[in-house]
Amino acid sequence: MKFAIVVNTERKEAVLLAKELISWLDRKGIGYVLESLSGEKLGTGPSAKIDDLNRLCDVFVSLGGDGTLLFTSHYSATKPVIGINVGHLGFLTEFSKDEIISAVEMVLAGNYSIHNRTQLEAITVINGREHRLRALNDVVIEKGAYPRIPTFVIRLDGELLGSYRADGIIIATSTGSTAYSMSAGGPIIAPKSCVFVITPICPHMLTVRPIVISDDKIIEVSVDAQAGEFPLNCDGRITKMLLPQESVTVRKSDAQINLVANENRDYCEILRTKLLWGREHDSRQ
């Protein structure tokens, strides 16, 4: 078994932890390949471009936070991903830095389970050809530098849902419900729920609210504006600038992300800790 290692090189602690992991793998005679930028920073071990890691390796190890795991997920395809949280508490990363060796040993022994996470697929047409992009958290269409408030037209399975004047529209998975969507006022959805949430960003109508829909729906979004370009983001990465009236189709992807599960991790406890739920009650005890 060979491990692909992706490190958030901007975090010193992640780099130090990666060196510890590599040293342990070397002592055990276990194969690994570093993502090229990670390898350059560490200055040791074999490395390859991240596009090639899925072909070269069997399991991915993401060392950083939720952002590093999101980045890794775009290249891991069907391979298992061990998410190691370095720093603040994360929603996606299953293991703490102190659990890294035990997590790797668990995978080596084949004694692990997988959390399958649904992805979104955003489909655009450029010069008559379809382009498909994937997102684990969310697909976002924003007004960008457009000086006015555009109207976002949303259709579900070809039927008009509504036309929203807003700064943008977020389409999030249950995994992504605790990310940008939550910041914009969307609901928290338990992982593995078979739903998506459509959350408007700063809507200019008091009656516009987030809506939760079945994940078998096909969502079509277009921007009704006289001019301008509108950023299409997949997991925070600008992938295209939409023109007025140009549409993007968003649907459930056939490809899932396979996160190695930490059976000792309590999602409800993470919500309480991350969102400070019950803190006021605890302080009165």
Protein backbone atom coordinates (compact mmCIF):
# COMPACT_ATOMS: atom_id res chain seq x y z
CA MET A 1 0.00 0.00 0.00
CA LYS A 2 1.29 3.45 -0.91
CA PHE A 3 0.21 6.76 0.66
CA ALA A 4 -0.22 10.12 -1.07
CA ILE A 5 0.63 12.93 1.35
CA VAL A 6 -0.76 16.44 0.90
CA VAL A 7 0.42 19.09 3.38
CA ASN A 8 -0.70 22.64 4.10
CA THR A 9 2.81 24.04 3.83
CA GLU A 10 1.75 27.40 5.25
CA ARG A 11 1.27 25.78 8.64
CA LYS A 12 4.55 25.04 10.37
CA GLU A 13 2.88 22.45 12.60
CA ALA A 14 1.57 20.59 9.54
CA VAL A 15 5.05 20.49 8.01
CA LEU A 16 6.58 19.16 11.25
CA LEU A 17 3.84 16.53 11.52
CA ALA A 18 4.45 15.48 7.91
CA LYS A 19 8.15 14.96 8.69
CA GLU A 20 7.21 12.77 11.65
CA LEU A 21 4.87 10.71 9.46
CA ILE A 22 7.50 10.31 6.72
CA SER A 23 10.10 9.22 9.27
CA TRP A 24 7.69 6.60 10.62
CA LEU A 25 6.81 5.35 7.12
CA ASP A 26 10.51 5.11 6.23
CA ARG A 27 11.23 3.04 9.35
CA LYS A 28 8.35 0.70 8.52
CA GLY A 29 9.33 0.41 4.85
CA ILE A 30 5.94 1.73 3.72
CA GLY A 31 5.72 3.54 0.38
CA TYR A 32 4.55 7.13 0.00
CA VAL A 33 4.58 10.01 -2.48
CA LEU A 34 4.43 13.67 -1.50
CA GLU A 35 2.42 16.18 -3.46
CA SER A 36 5.05 18.22 -5.34
CA LEU A 37 4.69 21.51 -3.43
CA SER A 38 4.69 19.60 -0.14
CA GLY A 39 7.81 17.71 -1.22
CA GLU A 40 9.54 20.96 -2.17
CA LYS A 41 8.82 22.42 1.28
CA LEU A 42 9.91 19.29 3.16
CA GLY A 43 12.96 18.74 0.98
CA THR A 44 12.82 14.97 1.27
CA GLY A 45 11.14 11.88 -0.15
CA PRO A 46 9.61 11.09 -3.55
CA SER A 47 7.10 13.59 -4.93
CA ALA A 48 4.74 14.00 -7.88
CA LYS A 49 2.20 16.44 -9.22
CA ILE A 50 -1.09 16.17 -7.41
CA ASP A 51 -2.84 15.19 -10.65
CA ASP A 52 -0.74 12.01 -10.71
CA LEU A 53 -1.17 10.94 -7.08
CA ASN A 54 -4.42 9.08 -7.63
CA ARG A 55 -2.73 6.86 -10.19
CA LEU A 56 0.38 6.31 -8.07
CA CYS A 57 -1.13 5.80 -4.62
CA ASP A 58 -3.83 3.85 -2.79
CA VAL A 59 -4.69 6.18 0.11
CA PHE A 60 -4.49 9.95 0.59
CA VAL A 61 -3.37 11.68 3.80
CA SER A 62 -4.42 15.32 4.15
CA LEU A 63 -2.43 17.31 6.74
CA GLY A 64 -3.93 20.69 7.54
CA GLY A 65 -7.54 21.70 8.03
CA ASP A 66 -10.83 21.48 6.20
CA GLY A 67 -9.46 23.61 3.35
CA THR A 68 -6.56 21.20 2.79
CA LEU A 69 -8.96 18.26 2.79
CA LEU A 70 -11.24 20.01 0.28
CA PHE A 71 -8.24 20.60 -1.97
CA THR A 72 -7.17 16.97 -1.61
CA SER A 73 -10.67 15.67 -2.34
CA HIS A 74 -10.60 17.16 -5.84
CA TYR A 75 -7.82 14.72 -6.75
CA SER A 76 -8.51 11.67 -4.58
CA ALA A 77 -11.47 10.41 -6.67
CA THR A 78 -12.53 7.03 -5.22
CA LYS A 79 -9.47 6.57 -2.99
CA PRO A 80 -9.81 6.73 0.83
CA VAL A 81 -8.74 10.01 2.45
CA ILE A 82 -7.35 10.29 5.98
CA GLY A 83 -8.05 13.83 7.14
CA ILE A 84 -5.68 15.05 9.87
CA ASN A 85 -6.66 18.29 11.59
CA VAL A 86 -3.77 20.59 12.44
CA GLY A 87 -4.84 23.71 14.26
CA HIS A 88 -8.44 24.70 14.82
CA LEU A 89 -11.23 22.17 15.16
CA GLY A 90 -12.51 21.08 11.74
CA PHE A 91 -15.79 19.64 10.57
CA LEU A 92 -14.34 17.49 7.77
CA THR A 93 -11.00 16.32 9.15
CA GLU A 94 -11.72 13.17 11.15
CA PHE A 95 -8.47 12.77 13.11
CA SER A 96 -6.38 14.93 15.43
CA LYS A 97 -2.62 15.26 14.99
CA ASP A 98 -2.09 12.87 17.90
CA GLU A 99 -4.08 10.18 16.05
CA ILE A 100 -2.13 10.26 12.79
CA ILE A 101 -0.08 7.10 13.30
CA SER A 102 -2.99 5.10 14.69
CA ALA A 103 -5.13 6.22 11.71
CA VAL A 104 -2.47 5.06 9.22
CA GLU A 105 -2.02 1.77 11.09
CA MET A 106 -5.78 1.24 11.02
CA VAL A 107 -5.83 1.65 7.25
CA LEU A 108 -2.80 -0.61 6.79
CA ALA A 109 -4.58 -3.33 8.79
CA GLY A 110 -7.75 -2.88 6.73
CA ASN A 111 -9.64 -2.27 9.95
CA TYR A 112 -11.47 0.91 9.04
CA SER A 113 -14.80 2.20 7.77
CA ILE A 114 -15.60 4.90 5.25
CA HIS A 115 -17.84 7.96 5.41
CA ASN A 116 -19.13 8.46 1.87
CA ARG A 117 -19.77 12.15 1.19
CA THR A 118 -21.91 13.34 -1.71
CA GLN A 119 -20.46 15.84 -4.18
CA LEU A 120 -22.06 18.40 -6.44
CA GLU A 121 -21.42 18.54 -10.16
CA ALA A 122 -21.64 21.89 -11.92
CA ILE A 123 -22.10 21.70 -15.68
CA THR A 124 -21.40 24.63 -17.99
CA VAL A 125 -21.22 24.84 -21.77
CA ILE A 126 -18.22 26.57 -23.35
CA ASN A 127 -18.00 26.84 -27.14
CA GLY A 128 -20.58 24.09 -27.50
CA ARG A 129 -18.74 21.66 -25.19
CA GLU A 130 -19.84 20.60 -21.73
CA HIS A 131 -17.46 21.21 -18.83
CA ARG A 132 -18.06 19.39 -15.56
CA LEU A 133 -16.74 20.61 -12.23
CA ARG A 134 -17.11 18.97 -8.82
CA ALA A 135 -17.52 20.39 -5.33
CA LEU A 136 -17.69 18.64 -1.97
CA ASN A 137 -18.96 21.68 -0.06
CA ASP A 138 -20.72 24.07 -2.38
CA VAL A 139 -21.24 25.69 -5.75
CA VAL A 140 -21.58 29.47 -5.49
CA ILE A 141 -22.59 32.07 -8.07
CA GLU A 142 -21.85 35.65 -6.95
CA LYS A 143 -22.40 39.14 -8.27
CA GLY A 144 -18.67 39.84 -8.21
CA ALA A 145 -17.78 43.37 -9.33
CA TYR A 146 -21.19 44.00 -10.89
CA PRO A 147 -22.24 47.43 -9.50
CA ARG A 148 -25.96 46.63 -9.20
CA ILE A 149 -27.96 43.88 -7.58
CA PRO A 150 -28.49 41.13 -10.19
CA THR A 151 -31.40 38.70 -10.30
CA PHE A 152 -30.64 35.00 -9.96
CA VAL A 153 -33.16 32.79 -11.72
CA ILE A 154 -33.42 29.28 -10.27
CA ARG A 155 -35.18 26.28 -11.78
CA LEU A 156 -35.72 22.84 -10.27
CA ASP A 157 -36.14 20.00 -12.74
CA GLY A 158 -37.03 22.59 -15.38
CA GLU A 159 -39.70 24.34 -13.29
CA LEU A 160 -39.20 27.90 -12.10
CA LEU A 161 -38.50 28.08 -8.36
CA GLY A 162 -37.99 31.83 -8.18
CA SER A 163 -36.09 34.92 -9.23
CA TYR A 164 -34.00 36.31 -6.39
CA ARG A 165 -32.37 39.73 -6.22
CA ALA A 166 -29.31 38.98 -4.11
CA ASP A 167 -25.53 39.18 -3.90
CA GLY A 168 -25.29 35.53 -4.83
CA ILE A 169 -26.62 32.00 -4.54
CA ILE A 170 -25.05 29.09 -2.64
CA ILE A 171 -25.90 25.48 -3.45
CA ALA A 172 -24.47 23.31 -0.69
CA THR A 173 -24.30 19.63 0.18
CA SER A 174 -25.03 18.44 3.72
CA THR A 175 -21.25 18.41 4.19
CA GLY A 176 -21.03 22.04 3.06
CA SER A 177 -23.98 23.19 5.16
CA THR A 178 -21.57 24.16 7.96
CA ALA A 179 -19.40 26.27 5.63
CA TYR A 180 -20.37 29.34 3.55
CA SER A 181 -24.06 28.42 3.57
CA MET A 182 -24.20 28.55 7.38
CA SER A 183 -22.45 31.95 7.37
CA ALA A 184 -25.15 33.21 4.99
CA GLY A 185 -27.94 32.02 7.29
CA GLY A 186 -28.51 28.51 5.93
CA PRO A 187 -29.44 25.53 8.13
CA ILE A 188 -27.02 22.96 9.52
CA ILE A 189 -27.72 19.59 7.92
CA ALA A 190 -26.51 16.31 9.38
CA PRO A 191 -23.85 14.56 7.25
CA LYS A 192 -25.09 11.90 4.83
CA SER A 193 -28.53 13.53 4.59
CA CYS A 194 -29.79 13.09 1.04
CA VAL A 195 -30.50 16.78 0.51
CA PHE A 196 -29.02 20.00 -0.83
CA VAL A 197 -29.66 23.50 0.48
CA ILE A 198 -30.04 26.59 -1.70
CA THR A 199 -29.06 29.68 0.29
CA PRO A 200 -29.29 33.25 -1.06
CA ILE A 201 -26.50 35.66 -0.11
CA CYS A 202 -27.84 38.96 1.27
CA PRO A 203 -31.22 38.75 -0.51
CA HIS A 204 -33.02 42.02 -1.14
CA MET A 205 -36.41 40.53 -0.34
CA LEU A 206 -37.51 39.75 3.21
CA THR A 207 -39.49 36.71 2.06
CA VAL A 208 -36.50 34.94 0.47
CA ARG A 209 -35.23 32.13 2.68
CA PRO A 210 -32.92 29.12 2.25
CA ILE A 211 -34.66 26.05 0.87
CA VAL A 212 -33.74 22.40 1.44
CA ILE A 213 -34.38 20.08 -1.50
CA SER A 214 -33.90 16.42 -2.32
CA ASP A 215 -30.48 15.66 -3.78
CA ASP A 216 -32.05 14.03 -6.84
CA LYS A 217 -33.19 17.44 -8.10
CA ILE A 218 -31.47 19.14 -11.02
CA ILE A 219 -30.84 22.81 -10.31
CA GLU A 220 -30.35 25.40 -13.02
CA VAL A 221 -29.15 28.91 -12.20
CA SER A 222 -28.77 31.86 -14.53
CA VAL A 223 -28.09 35.55 -13.89
CA ASP A 224 -30.52 38.13 -15.23
CA ALA A 225 -28.44 41.25 -15.72
CA GLN A 226 -27.70 43.74 -18.49
CA ALA A 227 -23.93 43.33 -18.36
CA GLY A 228 -21.11 42.09 -16.21
CA GLU A 229 -19.40 38.80 -15.36
CA PHE A 230 -20.38 36.64 -12.41
CA PRO A 231 -17.91 34.33 -10.61
CA LEU A 232 -18.79 30.64 -10.45
CA ASN A 233 -17.00 29.10 -7.44
CA CYS A 234 -16.62 25.41 -6.64
CA ASP A 235 -15.40 24.90 -3.07
CA GLY A 236 -14.06 28.45 -3.00
CA ARG A 237 -12.15 28.25 -6.28
CA ILE A 238 -13.26 30.52 -9.12
CA THR A 239 -13.71 28.16 -12.05
CA LYS A 240 -15.54 30.34 -14.56
CA MET A 241 -17.04 33.79 -15.11
CA LEU A 242 -20.69 33.50 -16.12
CA LEU A 243 -22.15 35.97 -18.61
CA PRO A 244 -25.66 37.42 -18.31
CA GLN A 245 -28.33 34.80 -19.14
CA GLU A 246 -25.69 32.05 -19.21
CA SER A 247 -26.79 29.11 -17.09
CA VAL A 248 -25.06 26.54 -14.91
CA THR A 249 -26.64 23.19 -14.12
CA VAL A 250 -25.94 21.71 -10.69
CA ARG A 251 -26.74 18.13 -9.78
CA LYS A 252 -25.58 15.26 -7.60
CA SER A 253 -22.28 13.85 -8.81
CA ASP A 254 -21.84 10.14 -9.47
CA ALA A 255 -18.45 10.35 -7.70
CA GLN A 256 -18.36 10.36 -3.90
CA ILE A 257 -15.56 11.33 -1.54
CA ASN A 258 -14.43 8.51 0.75
CA LEU A 259 -13.31 9.81 4.13
CA VAL A 260 -11.71 7.34 6.52
CA ALA A 261 -13.96 7.41 9.60
CA ASN A 262 -12.87 8.03 13.15
CA GLU A 263 -15.21 5.90 15.24
CA ASN A 264 -14.29 7.91 18.36
CA ARG A 265 -15.44 11.18 16.81
CA ASP A 266 -18.74 12.61 18.01
CA TYR A 267 -20.34 14.93 15.45
CA CYS A 268 -22.76 16.42 17.99
CA GLU A 269 -19.88 17.21 20.33
CA ILE A 270 -18.05 18.92 17.48
CA LEU A 271 -21.10 21.08 16.77
CA ARG A 272 -21.35 22.04 20.44
CA THR A 273 -17.64 22.87 20.63
CA LYS A 274 -17.30 24.62 17.27
CA LEU A 275 -20.48 26.68 17.63
CA LEU A 276 -20.23 27.19 21.39
CA TRP A 277 -23.62 25.61 21.96
CA GLY A 278 -24.41 25.29 25.65
CA ARG A 279 -21.46 27.50 26.68
CA GLU A 280 -23.75 29.94 28.53
CA HIS A 281 -25.46 27.06 30.32
CA ASP A 282 -22.10 25.50 31.25
CA SER A 283 -20.82 28.80 32.68
CA ARG A 284 -23.73 28.91 35.12
CA GLN A 285 -22.96 25.49 36.57
